[in-house]
Protein backbone atom coordinates (compact mmCIF):
# COMPACT_ATOMS: atom_id res chain seq x y z
CA MET A 1 111.45 95.34 110.54
CA THR A 2 108.66 95.09 107.64
CA ASP A 3 108.12 92.44 104.78
CA ILE A 4 107.66 95.50 102.36
CA PRO A 5 111.15 97.27 101.35
CA LEU A 6 111.07 100.79 102.90
CA ARG A 7 111.71 103.63 100.18
CA HIS A 8 113.19 107.07 100.95
CA GLY A 9 112.45 110.75 99.71
CA ILE A 10 111.67 113.66 100.50
CA PHE A 11 108.26 116.35 100.68
CA LEU A 12 109.51 119.91 99.79
CA PRO A 13 107.33 122.51 100.39
CA PRO A 14 110.01 124.52 100.41
CA PHE A 15 110.17 126.50 103.75
CA HIS A 16 112.49 129.78 102.54
CA PRO A 17 112.80 132.62 105.20
CA ASN A 18 111.83 135.72 104.14
CA GLU A 19 115.45 137.67 104.12
CA GLU A 20 117.15 135.06 101.91
CA ASN A 21 117.43 135.61 98.09
CA PRO A 22 114.24 133.92 96.71
CA THR A 23 115.95 132.81 93.49
CA ALA A 24 118.94 131.55 95.00
CA CYS A 25 116.55 129.38 97.09
CA LEU A 26 114.76 127.76 94.37
CA GLU A 27 118.25 127.26 92.36
CA ARG A 28 119.23 125.46 95.74
CA ASP A 29 116.02 123.47 95.95
CA LEU A 30 116.92 121.88 92.05
CA GLU A 31 120.79 121.24 93.43
CA LEU A 32 118.77 119.18 96.36
CA ILE A 33 116.91 116.80 94.20
CA GLN A 34 120.28 116.64 92.07
CA TRP A 35 121.79 115.55 95.46
CA LEU A 36 119.35 113.17 96.18
CA ASP A 37 119.39 111.55 93.07
CA ARG A 38 123.03 110.87 93.15
CA LEU A 39 122.63 109.50 97.09
CA GLY A 40 119.89 107.11 95.71
CA PHE A 41 117.04 108.65 97.08
CA ASP A 42 113.61 106.77 95.31
CA GLU A 43 111.23 110.17 95.09
CA ALA A 44 110.79 113.79 95.82
CA TRP A 45 107.44 115.63 96.28
CA ILE A 46 107.18 119.75 95.20
CA GLY A 47 104.35 121.57 96.50
CA GLU A 48 102.56 124.36 95.17
CA HIS A 49 101.61 127.42 97.36
CA HIS A 50 100.64 130.99 96.77
CA SER A 51 100.71 132.93 99.67
CA ALA A 52 102.38 133.15 103.18
CA GLY A 53 106.08 134.19 102.15
CA TYR A 54 108.01 130.82 102.73
CA GLU A 55 106.73 128.02 100.54
CA ILE A 56 107.79 130.00 97.38
CA ILE A 57 107.13 127.20 94.88
CA SER A 58 103.61 128.28 93.21
CA CYS A 59 103.70 125.70 90.13
CA PRO A 60 104.88 121.93 90.80
CA GLU A 61 104.76 121.03 87.37
CA ILE A 62 107.40 123.56 86.22
CA PHE A 63 109.91 122.47 88.83
CA ILE A 64 109.87 118.93 88.26
CA ALA A 65 110.43 119.70 84.39
CA PHE A 66 113.21 121.55 85.78
CA ALA A 67 114.74 119.01 88.18
CA ALA A 68 114.07 115.99 85.64
CA GLU A 69 116.32 117.66 83.34
CA ARG A 70 118.93 117.67 85.78
CA THR A 71 118.22 113.78 87.13
CA LYS A 72 118.47 110.62 86.09
CA HIS A 73 116.62 108.09 88.37
CA ILE A 74 114.72 109.85 91.10
CA ARG A 75 110.80 109.55 90.53
CA LEU A 76 109.08 113.49 91.07
CA GLY A 77 105.64 114.35 92.08
CA THR A 78 103.07 117.23 92.46
CA GLY A 79 103.09 117.67 96.26
CA VAL A 80 100.54 118.66 96.06
CA VAL A 81 98.47 120.14 93.44
CA SER A 82 95.49 121.86 95.00
CA LEU A 83 92.78 120.89 92.98
CA PRO A 84 90.05 123.53 93.27
CA TYR A 85 92.25 125.95 92.13
CA HIS A 86 92.23 124.49 88.28
CA HIS A 87 90.29 123.25 85.97
CA PRO A 88 90.18 119.45 85.94
CA LEU A 89 91.15 119.68 82.27
CA MET A 90 94.06 121.68 82.77
CA ILE A 91 95.43 119.59 85.50
CA ALA A 92 95.28 116.29 83.66
CA ASP A 93 96.75 117.76 80.49
CA ARG A 94 100.05 119.11 82.38
CA ILE A 95 100.18 115.84 83.94
CA VAL A 96 100.10 113.84 81.27
CA GLN A 97 102.32 116.00 79.20
CA LEU A 98 105.41 115.48 82.29
CA ASP A 99 104.53 111.93 81.98
CA HIS A 100 105.97 111.80 78.71
CA MET A 101 108.39 113.99 78.96
CA THR A 102 110.13 112.58 82.15
CA ARG A 103 109.48 108.65 80.48
CA GLY A 104 107.43 107.80 83.35
CA ARG A 105 109.19 109.35 86.23
CA VAL A 106 105.96 111.98 87.18
CA MET A 107 103.72 111.37 90.30
CA PHE A 108 100.46 112.85 90.51
CA GLY A 109 99.74 114.35 94.40
CA ALA A 110 96.39 116.25 94.64
CA GLY A 111 95.01 117.93 97.59
CA PRO A 112 92.60 120.56 98.65
CA GLY A 113 94.90 123.49 99.41
CA LEU A 114 96.43 124.06 102.67
CA LEU A 115 96.19 127.58 102.81
CA ALA A 116 92.94 129.36 103.39
CA SER A 117 94.71 132.22 102.59
CA ASP A 118 95.81 130.96 99.07
CA ALA A 119 92.19 130.10 98.69
CA ILE A 120 90.98 133.34 99.80
CA MET A 121 92.60 135.54 97.53
CA MET A 122 90.96 133.34 94.44
CA GLY A 123 87.31 134.28 96.44
CA ILE A 124 87.26 130.29 97.33
CA ASP A 125 85.47 129.53 100.35
CA PRO A 126 87.36 127.25 102.14
CA MET A 127 84.72 125.46 103.39
CA THR A 128 84.11 123.78 100.07
CA GLN A 129 87.79 122.99 99.15
CA ARG A 130 87.58 119.30 99.90
CA ASP A 131 84.32 118.80 97.79
CA ARG A 132 85.89 120.46 95.02
CA MET A 133 88.92 118.54 95.09
CA ALA A 134 86.86 114.74 95.26
CA GLU A 135 84.87 116.17 92.11
CA ALA A 136 87.85 117.32 90.42
CA LEU A 137 90.04 114.09 91.22
CA ALA A 138 86.97 112.04 90.07
CA ALA A 139 86.85 114.10 86.76
CA ILE A 140 90.86 113.57 86.34
CA LEU A 141 90.58 109.71 86.83
CA ARG A 142 88.30 109.55 83.94
CA LEU A 143 90.49 111.66 81.75
CA PHE A 144 93.13 109.45 82.25
CA ARG A 145 91.18 106.72 81.24
CA GLY A 146 90.85 108.11 78.20
CA ASP A 147 86.59 108.74 78.82
CA ILE A 148 84.75 111.64 77.36
CA VAL A 149 83.72 113.88 80.37
CA THR A 150 80.90 116.29 80.00
CA GLU A 151 79.54 117.54 83.43
CA THR A 152 78.54 120.95 84.96
CA THR A 153 79.73 122.19 88.74
CA ASP A 154 79.40 125.30 90.48
CA TRP A 155 83.06 125.94 89.37
CA TYR A 156 83.85 124.21 86.53
CA THR A 157 82.08 122.82 83.03
CA MET A 158 83.23 120.08 80.79
CA GLN A 159 81.51 119.85 77.56
CA GLY A 160 82.84 116.58 75.91
CA ALA A 161 86.25 116.95 76.68
CA ARG A 162 89.08 114.57 76.64
CA LEU A 163 92.55 114.01 76.41
CA HIS A 164 94.09 114.14 72.82
CA LEU A 165 97.59 112.73 74.13
CA LEU A 166 96.99 109.82 77.01
CA PRO A 167 99.30 108.73 79.74
CA TYR A 168 102.70 107.50 78.94
CA THR A 169 102.17 105.19 81.98
CA SER A 170 99.78 102.90 81.92
CA PRO A 171 97.23 102.77 83.10
CA HIS A 172 98.09 106.34 84.48
CA PRO A 173 100.84 107.79 86.78
CA GLU A 174 100.52 106.75 90.56
CA VAL A 175 97.79 108.55 92.13
CA ALA A 176 98.29 110.15 95.55
CA VAL A 177 96.12 111.93 97.85
CA VAL A 178 97.22 113.71 101.04
CA SER A 179 96.02 113.04 104.29
CA ALA A 180 96.78 115.23 107.36
CA VAL A 181 93.87 115.54 110.06
CA THR A 182 90.83 114.84 108.35
CA PRO A 183 89.13 111.74 106.85
CA SER A 184 88.78 113.50 103.62
CA GLY A 185 92.43 111.94 102.28
CA GLY A 186 91.60 108.37 103.27
CA ARG A 187 87.84 108.28 101.87
CA LEU A 188 89.23 109.14 98.27
CA ALA A 189 92.24 106.64 98.86
CA GLY A 190 89.84 103.81 99.26
CA LYS A 191 87.52 104.84 96.50
CA TYR A 192 89.31 105.17 93.83
CA ASP A 193 92.75 102.79 95.20
CA LEU A 194 94.94 105.59 95.35
CA SER A 195 98.08 105.69 97.45
CA MET A 196 98.07 108.36 100.30
CA ILE A 197 100.73 110.86 101.73
CA CYS A 198 100.35 111.33 105.44
CA VAL A 199 102.05 114.72 105.98
CA ALA A 200 101.53 115.25 109.64
CA ALA A 201 102.97 111.70 111.03
CA THR A 202 104.93 113.04 113.33
CA ASN A 203 103.08 116.10 114.25
CA PRO A 204 101.09 116.27 117.52
CA PHE A 205 97.27 115.98 115.36
CA GLY A 206 98.55 113.70 112.59
CA PHE A 207 100.38 111.15 114.62
CA ASP A 208 96.88 109.99 116.38
CA ALA A 209 95.36 110.48 113.67
CA LEU A 210 97.30 108.53 111.20
CA GLY A 211 96.12 104.90 112.25
CA SER A 212 92.33 106.28 111.84
CA ASN A 213 92.82 107.53 108.18
CA TRP A 214 94.42 104.45 107.26
CA GLN A 215 91.81 102.43 108.86
CA ILE A 216 89.00 104.57 107.01
CA ALA A 217 90.75 104.12 103.66
CA CYS A 218 90.79 100.37 104.39
CA GLU A 219 87.17 100.37 105.15
CA VAL A 220 86.09 101.88 102.22
CA ALA A 221 88.18 100.11 99.59
CA ALA A 222 86.80 96.94 101.29
CA GLU A 223 83.09 98.66 100.37
CA HIS A 224 84.45 98.54 96.51
CA GLY A 225 86.32 95.32 96.57
CA ARG A 226 89.52 95.81 97.03
CA HIS A 227 92.49 96.01 99.56
CA MET A 228 94.54 99.05 100.40
CA ASP A 229 98.51 98.21 99.46
CA PRO A 230 100.24 99.44 102.58
CA ALA A 231 103.46 100.00 100.05
CA ARG A 232 101.92 102.95 98.48
CA LEU A 233 101.51 104.88 101.79
CA ARG A 234 104.03 107.20 102.71
CA LEU A 235 104.47 109.38 105.83
CA VAL A 236 106.20 112.78 106.12
CA GLY A 237 108.41 113.78 109.49
CA PRO A 238 111.28 116.42 109.77
CA MET A 239 114.87 115.45 110.88
CA HIS A 240 117.91 116.65 110.51
CA LEU A 241 121.41 114.85 111.35
CA ALA A 242 124.79 114.67 111.72
CA GLU A 243 127.48 112.52 113.64
CA THR A 244 126.41 113.44 116.92
CA ARG A 245 123.99 115.02 118.50
CA VAL A 246 125.32 117.86 120.08
CA LYS A 247 126.48 118.85 116.58
CA ALA A 248 123.07 118.43 114.79
CA PHE A 249 121.48 120.85 117.49
CA GLU A 250 124.18 123.13 116.75
CA ASN A 251 123.39 122.96 113.02
CA ALA A 252 119.69 122.89 113.37
CA ARG A 253 119.54 126.36 115.49
CA PHE A 254 120.60 127.91 112.52
CA GLY A 255 116.70 127.72 111.14
CA PHE A 256 114.47 125.68 113.43
CA GLY A 257 113.36 129.41 115.19
CA ARG A 258 112.27 130.63 111.57
CA TYR A 259 110.83 127.31 110.44
CA LEU A 260 108.94 127.01 113.97
CA GLY A 261 107.47 130.64 113.64
CA TYR A 262 106.26 130.67 109.98
CA LEU A 263 104.23 127.61 110.69
CA ASN A 264 102.63 129.13 113.90
CA ASN A 265 102.29 132.30 111.74
CA ASN A 266 99.95 130.16 109.31
CA GLN A 267 98.01 128.31 112.44
CA PRO A 268 99.16 127.33 116.32
CA ARG A 269 100.77 124.20 116.26
CA PHE A 270 103.67 123.86 117.77
CA ILE A 271 103.59 126.14 121.15
CA PRO A 272 106.91 125.55 123.41
CA PRO A 273 105.98 126.10 127.14
CA PRO A 274 107.58 129.52 128.55
CA GLY A 275 111.21 129.44 128.80
CA GLN A 276 112.04 126.25 127.19
CA ASP A 277 114.23 125.84 124.32
CA ALA A 278 112.02 125.38 121.27
CA LEU A 279 114.19 122.94 119.38
CA GLU A 280 114.88 120.72 122.49
CA TRP A 281 110.97 120.79 123.13
CA PHE A 282 110.33 119.88 119.63
CA VAL A 283 112.61 116.93 119.93
CA GLU A 284 111.75 115.57 123.08
CA ASN A 285 107.87 115.73 122.08
CA ARG A 286 109.11 113.38 119.28
CA TYR A 287 107.63 115.72 116.85
CA GLY A 288 111.00 115.49 114.85
CA VAL A 289 114.39 114.12 114.94
CA CYS A 290 117.42 116.23 115.40
CA GLY A 291 120.22 114.14 115.97
CA THR A 292 122.05 111.00 114.85
CA PRO A 293 121.19 108.30 112.55
CA ALA A 294 120.28 105.93 114.71
CA ASP A 295 117.52 108.58 116.29
CA ALA A 296 116.46 108.62 112.83
CA ILE A 297 116.37 104.73 112.76
CA GLU A 298 114.07 104.95 115.87
CA LEU A 299 111.42 107.57 114.39
CA ILE A 300 110.74 105.41 111.66
CA GLU A 301 110.38 102.49 113.53
CA ARG A 302 108.17 104.39 116.21
CA LEU A 303 105.84 104.86 113.17
CA GLN A 304 106.46 100.89 112.01
CA GLU A 305 105.02 100.20 115.39
CA LYS A 306 102.16 103.02 115.90
CA GLN A 307 101.24 102.44 111.54
CA GLY A 308 102.37 98.59 110.94
CA GLU A 309 103.57 98.35 107.67
CA PHE A 310 104.12 101.58 104.92
CA GLY A 311 106.16 101.81 101.84
CA VAL A 312 107.87 105.35 101.90
CA PHE A 313 109.18 107.82 104.79
CA LEU A 314 109.30 110.76 103.45
CA HIS A 315 111.73 113.64 104.89
CA GLN A 316 110.05 116.88 105.50
CA ALA A 317 113.01 118.99 103.51
CA HIS A 318 113.47 122.43 105.34
CA ASN A 319 116.05 124.92 106.19
CA TRP A 320 116.59 124.14 110.04
CA ALA A 321 120.50 123.85 108.94
CA ASP A 322 122.58 125.57 106.96
CA TRP A 323 123.34 124.08 103.15
CA ASP A 324 126.56 122.34 104.20
CA ALA A 325 125.34 120.66 107.03
CA THR A 326 121.51 119.98 105.02
CA LYS A 327 123.30 118.01 102.40
CA ARG A 328 125.74 116.53 105.02
CA SER A 329 122.54 115.20 106.46
CA TYR A 330 120.82 113.86 103.55
CA GLU A 331 124.32 112.01 102.99
CA LEU A 332 124.46 110.65 106.59
CA TYR A 333 120.85 109.07 106.00
CA ALA A 334 121.64 107.03 102.75
CA ARG A 335 125.27 105.90 103.97
CA TYR A 336 123.23 104.84 107.40
CA VAL A 337 119.44 104.70 107.42
CA MET A 338 118.70 103.36 103.87
CA PRO A 339 120.53 100.38 104.56
CA HIS A 340 119.31 99.83 107.59
CA PHE A 341 116.02 98.79 106.04
CA SER A 342 117.23 97.61 103.21
CA ARG A 343 118.73 94.84 104.68
CA ALA A 344 121.35 95.23 102.17
CA ASN A 345 124.20 95.09 104.56
CA ARG A 346 123.02 91.55 106.36
CA PRO A 347 124.93 89.44 103.85
CA ARG A 348 128.17 91.26 104.51
CA ALA A 349 127.80 90.92 108.33
CA ALA A 350 127.43 87.52 108.25
CA SER A 351 130.15 87.14 106.12
CA PHE A 352 132.40 89.11 108.45
CA GLN A 353 131.30 86.46 110.91
CA TRP A 354 131.56 83.41 109.16
CA CYS A 355 135.72 84.86 108.56
CA GLY A 356 135.90 85.55 112.09
CA ASP A 357 134.49 82.31 113.63
CA ASN A 358 136.99 80.74 111.13
CA ARG A 359 140.11 82.42 111.58
CA ALA A 360 142.24 80.28 113.50
CA GLU A 361 141.77 77.79 110.67
CA PHE A 362 141.66 80.26 107.59
CA SER A 363 144.87 81.49 109.00
CA ALA A 364 146.43 77.88 109.40
CA LYS A 365 145.63 77.17 105.63
CA ARG A 366 147.00 80.47 104.15
CA GLN A 367 150.11 79.98 106.48
CA ALA A 368 150.74 76.31 105.44
CA ALA A 369 149.91 77.81 101.51
CA ALA A 370 152.50 80.05 101.91
CA LYS A 371 155.40 77.71 103.24
CA ALA A 372 154.67 75.58 100.98
CA MET A 373 155.10 77.73 97.88
CA PHE A 374 158.45 79.11 99.74
CA ASP A 375 159.42 75.64 100.34
CA LYS A 376 158.66 74.92 96.53
CA HIS A 377 160.70 77.89 95.36
CA GLU A 378 163.78 77.15 98.02
CA ALA A 379 163.75 73.24 96.46
CA GLU A 380 164.07 74.57 93.01
CA GLN A 381 166.73 77.06 93.29
CA ARG A 382 168.60 74.07 94.82
CA GLU A 383 168.38 71.86 92.16
CA ARG A 384 169.22 74.78 89.67
CA ALA A 385 172.51 75.38 91.86
CA ALA A 386 173.79 71.09 91.87
CA THR A 387 173.26 71.49 87.62
CA PRO A 388 176.55 72.13 86.25
CA ARG A 389 176.70 74.78 83.81
CA PRO A 390 178.62 74.70 80.37
CA PRO A 391 181.63 77.21 80.39
CA LYS A 392 180.34 78.64 77.08
CA GLY A 393 178.62 78.65 74.02
CA ARG A 394 174.40 78.50 73.72
CA GLU A 395 174.26 75.71 76.21
CA ALA A 396 175.91 78.50 79.34
CA TRP A 397 172.88 80.41 78.34
């Protein structure tokens, strides 16, 4: 347990199998955000992708606008806008508009673009993406502050560019950068005092890089006279929960194979040994959780032991299970995992224990009070019986 109150959310790429109705899938994503809002989740981050078939949200800002209208409390972030694909002024304008329209519930997540296939379709050399992200991010932060920006790069030009509508949130919405394996996200977070989202916190590559990338961010921040706030560090991992591990595995066999196939179709990441059950192998290697709320708690505490303090655990939203079982998974998390880390039930447990420890004393006093009441009632009845009643007239009543 740490001193930083752990918050909870999801990172929604999303992952939708090719054989399903895509329109219904998008509607279900919106319903999921509504469900999480009712359950008390703190935030949801929405992805941007343009190829490979499964991750079918191409504009997180449009999705956020719809989701904001259907929810009351949950914060909504771009997870992420791929900066090399957009002119920085256009990104800044869209985020500021959402900031106003959501009354400050929007968060701005930025990244270089994960899928090489997206960049190649636009004629962008993947080797340039991280440098372009850094250029765009610097310009966007200046625009958020109200600066006038004039600069020319090899991919965009700004001539006296400024925002004619400044952010609703002061000084601007929370800005987060993604970090997976390379140190680029950590370097930018440290340089500009930004939040970090470690999207690969439980996978075989990201788990080992997690500590080093955060350390890089802390070192760069120190060079600029700042301190990185671990409350703004978010770790992402996949999980599916049920009442028992057996039931969780039964649920997850609905879609886990397609999920793993999609990930490996883009880049070989999770290759089970021949003849071994893929889901069992995945869980045994601690790449994610398929089990009970206790297993979810164990995973998060393992991340805390590895990383130290962090602010938010984000479920990597997926479609391992069907819709009803998926909603049940998030409900179990809200009922049992969230209060474990918030310690909300400690006073209740202490009160329960106090009552149990003093049960004999409290029972004796309650019984004595009840007996006294019976005795009082019987005495009053005897007194009434002993008083003669007039035979007639008003006095008889």
